[in-house]
Amino acid sequence: MQDREVAEKVTEPLFDVAEKLYTSVNMIDACAQEGKVSQEEADAYRTNVLSSLDELLQAIIGPIYEIHPELSPTCCCCGESEESEEGQQP
């Protein structure tokens, strides 16, 4: 996605979806702790949702960040992007 404005607009709803999926995983884990679903069901749900989410984000967000690295989220504790931190050596 070459247009930066479009890329930025596309990533926002994707992260909203990701947040909702993470919330659903936490809800299923809580249901498993309460005995409403089996631990096996919760594990399968978590694995499938997170795997699908990872695949989606890598397929869509990854290429956008390659073209527009400035859109990559910053590290919450230092203000630098996670990618720039990985590139630094101690």
N, C-alpha and C. Protein backbone atom coordinates (compact mmCIF):
# COMPACT_ATOMS: atom_id res chain seq x y z
N MET A 1 0.84 -1.16 0.00
CA MET A 1 0.00 0.00 0.00
C MET A 1 0.90 1.23 0.00
N GLN A 2 1.01 1.84 -1.14
CA GLN A 2 1.95 2.94 -1.31
C GLN A 2 1.49 4.23 -0.64
N ASP A 3 0.20 4.51 -0.66
CA ASP A 3 -0.31 5.75 -0.10
C ASP A 3 -0.29 5.68 1.43
N ARG A 4 0.47 6.57 2.04
CA ARG A 4 0.63 6.54 3.50
C ARG A 4 -0.68 6.75 4.23
N GLU A 5 -1.49 7.69 3.75
CA GLU A 5 -2.76 7.99 4.42
C GLU A 5 -3.69 6.78 4.41
N VAL A 6 -3.76 6.11 3.27
CA VAL A 6 -4.59 4.91 3.17
C VAL A 6 -4.03 3.82 4.06
N ALA A 7 -2.73 3.63 4.06
CA ALA A 7 -2.10 2.62 4.90
C ALA A 7 -2.42 2.86 6.37
N GLU A 8 -2.35 4.10 6.79
CA GLU A 8 -2.65 4.44 8.18
C GLU A 8 -4.11 4.14 8.51
N LYS A 9 -5.00 4.48 7.59
CA LYS A 9 -6.43 4.23 7.81
C LYS A 9 -6.75 2.74 7.84
N VAL A 10 -6.03 1.96 7.08
CA VAL A 10 -6.26 0.51 7.04
C VAL A 10 -5.78 -0.17 8.31
N THR A 11 -4.66 0.27 8.84
CA THR A 11 -4.10 -0.41 10.02
C THR A 11 -4.95 -0.19 11.27
N GLU A 12 -5.57 0.96 11.38
CA GLU A 12 -6.36 1.25 12.58
C GLU A 12 -7.47 0.23 12.83
N PRO A 13 -8.34 -0.06 11.86
CA PRO A 13 -9.38 -1.06 12.13
C PRO A 13 -8.82 -2.47 12.32
N LEU A 14 -7.69 -2.76 11.69
CA LEU A 14 -7.08 -4.08 11.90
C LEU A 14 -6.66 -4.26 13.35
N PHE A 15 -6.11 -3.21 13.94
CA PHE A 15 -5.72 -3.30 15.34
C PHE A 15 -6.93 -3.34 16.26
N ASP A 16 -8.03 -2.71 15.84
CA ASP A 16 -9.27 -2.82 16.61
C ASP A 16 -9.76 -4.26 16.63
N VAL A 17 -9.70 -4.91 15.47
CA VAL A 17 -10.10 -6.31 15.37
C VAL A 17 -9.18 -7.18 16.23
N ALA A 18 -7.88 -6.92 16.16
CA ALA A 18 -6.92 -7.69 16.95
C ALA A 18 -7.23 -7.56 18.44
N GLU A 19 -7.53 -6.36 18.88
CA GLU A 19 -7.85 -6.14 20.29
C GLU A 19 -9.09 -6.94 20.70
N LYS A 20 -10.10 -6.96 19.85
CA LYS A 20 -11.32 -7.72 20.16
C LYS A 20 -11.04 -9.22 20.20
N LEU A 21 -10.19 -9.69 19.30
CA LEU A 21 -9.85 -11.12 19.32
C LEU A 21 -9.07 -11.49 20.57
N TYR A 22 -8.13 -10.62 20.99
CA TYR A 22 -7.41 -10.88 22.24
C TYR A 22 -8.37 -10.90 23.42
N THR A 23 -9.35 -10.02 23.40
CA THR A 23 -10.35 -9.99 24.47
C THR A 23 -11.14 -11.29 24.49
N SER A 24 -11.47 -11.82 23.30
CA SER A 24 -12.22 -13.07 23.25
C SER A 24 -11.40 -14.24 23.78
N VAL A 25 -10.10 -14.21 23.54
CA VAL A 25 -9.22 -15.26 24.06
C VAL A 25 -9.20 -15.20 25.59
N ASN A 26 -9.09 -13.99 26.14
CA ASN A 26 -9.11 -13.84 27.60
C ASN A 26 -10.44 -14.31 28.18
N MET A 27 -11.55 -14.03 27.48
CA MET A 27 -12.86 -14.46 27.94
C MET A 27 -12.96 -15.99 27.96
N ILE A 28 -12.46 -16.62 26.91
CA ILE A 28 -12.49 -18.09 26.85
C ILE A 28 -11.62 -18.68 27.97
N ASP A 29 -10.48 -18.08 28.23
CA ASP A 29 -9.63 -18.56 29.32
C ASP A 29 -10.34 -18.45 30.66
N ALA A 30 -11.06 -17.34 30.86
CA ALA A 30 -11.83 -17.17 32.10
C ALA A 30 -12.94 -18.21 32.19
N CYS A 31 -13.59 -18.50 31.06
CA CYS A 31 -14.64 -19.52 31.05
C CYS A 31 -14.07 -20.90 31.37
N ALA A 32 -12.86 -21.15 30.92
CA ALA A 32 -12.22 -22.43 31.22
C ALA A 32 -11.93 -22.53 32.72
N GLN A 33 -11.49 -21.44 33.32
CA GLN A 33 -11.21 -21.44 34.75
C GLN A 33 -12.49 -21.64 35.56
N GLU A 34 -13.62 -21.16 35.03
CA GLU A 34 -14.91 -21.32 35.70
C GLU A 34 -15.55 -22.67 35.39
N GLY A 35 -14.94 -23.45 34.52
CA GLY A 35 -15.47 -24.76 34.16
C GLY A 35 -16.58 -24.72 33.13
N LYS A 36 -16.77 -23.59 32.49
CA LYS A 36 -17.83 -23.46 31.47
C LYS A 36 -17.43 -24.09 30.15
N VAL A 37 -16.14 -24.12 29.86
CA VAL A 37 -15.60 -24.83 28.71
C VAL A 37 -14.40 -25.63 29.20
N SER A 38 -14.08 -26.67 28.48
CA SER A 38 -12.92 -27.48 28.89
C SER A 38 -11.62 -26.73 28.58
N GLN A 39 -10.58 -27.13 29.27
CA GLN A 39 -9.28 -26.51 29.02
C GLN A 39 -8.83 -26.82 27.59
N GLU A 40 -9.19 -28.01 27.10
CA GLU A 40 -8.84 -28.37 25.73
C GLU A 40 -9.53 -27.45 24.73
N GLU A 41 -10.81 -27.13 24.98
CA GLU A 41 -11.53 -26.20 24.10
C GLU A 41 -10.88 -24.81 24.14
N ALA A 42 -10.55 -24.37 25.33
CA ALA A 42 -9.92 -23.05 25.47
C ALA A 42 -8.57 -23.02 24.77
N ASP A 43 -7.79 -24.07 24.94
CA ASP A 43 -6.48 -24.13 24.29
C ASP A 43 -6.61 -24.12 22.77
N ALA A 44 -7.56 -24.89 22.25
CA ALA A 44 -7.77 -24.95 20.80
C ALA A 44 -8.23 -23.59 20.28
N TYR A 45 -9.13 -22.95 21.01
CA TYR A 45 -9.62 -21.63 20.60
C TYR A 45 -8.47 -20.64 20.57
N ARG A 46 -7.70 -20.60 21.64
CA ARG A 46 -6.57 -19.67 21.74
C ARG A 46 -5.59 -19.90 20.59
N THR A 47 -5.23 -21.15 20.37
CA THR A 47 -4.28 -21.48 19.32
C THR A 47 -4.79 -21.06 17.95
N ASN A 48 -6.04 -21.37 17.66
CA ASN A 48 -6.60 -21.04 16.35
C ASN A 48 -6.75 -19.53 16.14
N VAL A 49 -7.24 -18.84 17.15
CA VAL A 49 -7.43 -17.39 17.01
C VAL A 49 -6.10 -16.68 16.87
N LEU A 50 -5.16 -17.00 17.75
CA LEU A 50 -3.88 -16.30 17.71
C LEU A 50 -3.07 -16.64 16.46
N SER A 51 -3.17 -17.87 16.01
CA SER A 51 -2.49 -18.26 14.78
C SER A 51 -3.08 -17.51 13.58
N SER A 52 -4.39 -17.46 13.51
CA SER A 52 -5.05 -16.74 12.42
C SER A 52 -4.74 -15.26 12.48
N LEU A 53 -4.75 -14.70 13.66
CA LEU A 53 -4.45 -13.28 13.82
C LEU A 53 -3.01 -12.98 13.42
N ASP A 54 -2.10 -13.82 13.82
CA ASP A 54 -0.70 -13.63 13.46
C ASP A 54 -0.53 -13.68 11.94
N GLU A 55 -1.17 -14.64 11.32
CA GLU A 55 -1.09 -14.76 9.86
C GLU A 55 -1.66 -13.52 9.17
N LEU A 56 -2.81 -13.06 9.65
CA LEU A 56 -3.44 -11.88 9.08
C LEU A 56 -2.56 -10.65 9.23
N LEU A 57 -2.05 -10.44 10.41
CA LEU A 57 -1.23 -9.26 10.65
C LEU A 57 0.06 -9.30 9.85
N GLN A 58 0.68 -10.46 9.76
CA GLN A 58 1.92 -10.56 8.98
C GLN A 58 1.67 -10.35 7.50
N ALA A 59 0.54 -10.85 7.01
CA ALA A 59 0.25 -10.72 5.59
C ALA A 59 -0.15 -9.30 5.20
N ILE A 60 -0.76 -8.58 6.11
CA ILE A 60 -1.25 -7.24 5.77
C ILE A 60 -0.40 -6.15 6.41
N ILE A 61 -0.19 -6.24 7.70
CA ILE A 61 0.53 -5.18 8.42
C ILE A 61 2.02 -5.20 8.09
N GLY A 62 2.60 -6.37 8.00
CA GLY A 62 4.03 -6.48 7.72
C GLY A 62 4.44 -5.72 6.46
N PRO A 63 3.78 -5.99 5.33
CA PRO A 63 4.14 -5.26 4.12
C PRO A 63 3.91 -3.74 4.23
N ILE A 64 2.89 -3.34 4.95
CA ILE A 64 2.65 -1.90 5.14
C ILE A 64 3.80 -1.27 5.91
N TYR A 65 4.26 -1.93 6.96
CA TYR A 65 5.35 -1.39 7.76
C TYR A 65 6.68 -1.39 7.01
N GLU A 66 6.82 -2.30 6.05
CA GLU A 66 8.03 -2.29 5.22
C GLU A 66 8.07 -1.04 4.35
N ILE A 67 6.91 -0.66 3.84
CA ILE A 67 6.82 0.54 3.00
C ILE A 67 6.79 1.81 3.84
N HIS A 68 6.11 1.75 4.99
CA HIS A 68 5.92 2.92 5.86
C HIS A 68 6.38 2.58 7.28
N PRO A 69 7.68 2.44 7.52
CA PRO A 69 8.16 2.06 8.85
C PRO A 69 7.78 3.08 9.94
N GLU A 70 7.52 4.31 9.55
CA GLU A 70 7.14 5.32 10.53
C GLU A 70 5.77 5.05 11.15
N LEU A 71 4.97 4.18 10.54
CA LEU A 71 3.67 3.81 11.08
C LEU A 71 3.78 2.71 12.14
N SER A 72 4.92 2.08 12.22
CA SER A 72 5.14 1.01 13.20
C SER A 72 5.00 1.56 14.61
N PRO A 73 4.25 0.86 15.48
CA PRO A 73 4.09 1.35 16.86
C PRO A 73 5.43 1.49 17.57
N THR A 74 5.48 2.43 18.50
CA THR A 74 6.69 2.62 19.27
C THR A 74 6.65 1.77 20.53
N CYS A 75 7.81 1.49 21.03
CA CYS A 75 7.94 0.74 22.28
C CYS A 75 7.33 1.60 23.40
N CYS A 76 6.49 1.00 24.22
CA CYS A 76 5.78 1.77 25.24
C CYS A 76 6.69 2.31 26.33
N CYS A 77 7.85 1.75 26.52
CA CYS A 77 8.69 2.17 27.64
C CYS A 77 9.81 3.13 27.24
N CYS A 78 10.08 3.26 25.94
CA CYS A 78 11.22 4.10 25.58
C CYS A 78 10.95 5.05 24.42
N GLY A 79 9.79 4.92 23.79
CA GLY A 79 9.47 5.81 22.69
C GLY A 79 10.11 5.43 21.38
N GLU A 80 10.83 4.32 21.33
CA GLU A 80 11.43 3.85 20.09
C GLU A 80 10.64 2.69 19.56
N SER A 81 10.69 2.48 18.25
CA SER A 81 9.99 1.34 17.69
C SER A 81 10.69 0.06 18.12
N GLU A 82 9.90 -0.99 18.22
CA GLU A 82 10.46 -2.29 18.61
C GLU A 82 11.51 -2.74 17.61
N GLU A 83 11.28 -2.47 16.34
CA GLU A 83 12.22 -2.89 15.30
C GLU A 83 13.57 -2.21 15.49
N SER A 84 13.57 -0.92 15.83
CA SER A 84 14.84 -0.22 16.00
C SER A 84 15.57 -0.73 17.23
N GLU A 85 14.83 -1.17 18.24
CA GLU A 85 15.47 -1.75 19.42
C GLU A 85 16.15 -3.06 19.07
N GLU A 86 15.50 -3.87 18.23
CA GLU A 86 16.08 -5.17 17.88
C GLU A 86 17.37 -5.00 17.10
N GLY A 87 17.46 -3.93 16.34
CA GLY A 87 18.65 -3.69 15.54
C GLY A 87 19.84 -3.21 16.34
N GLN A 88 19.60 -2.74 17.56
CA GLN A 88 20.69 -2.23 18.39
C GLN A 88 21.34 -3.37 19.14
N GLN A 89 22.63 -3.29 19.31
CA GLN A 89 23.36 -4.30 20.06
C GLN A 89 23.75 -3.73 21.40
N PRO A 90 23.75 -4.56 22.46
CA PRO A 90 24.08 -4.08 23.81
C PRO A 90 25.51 -3.60 23.93
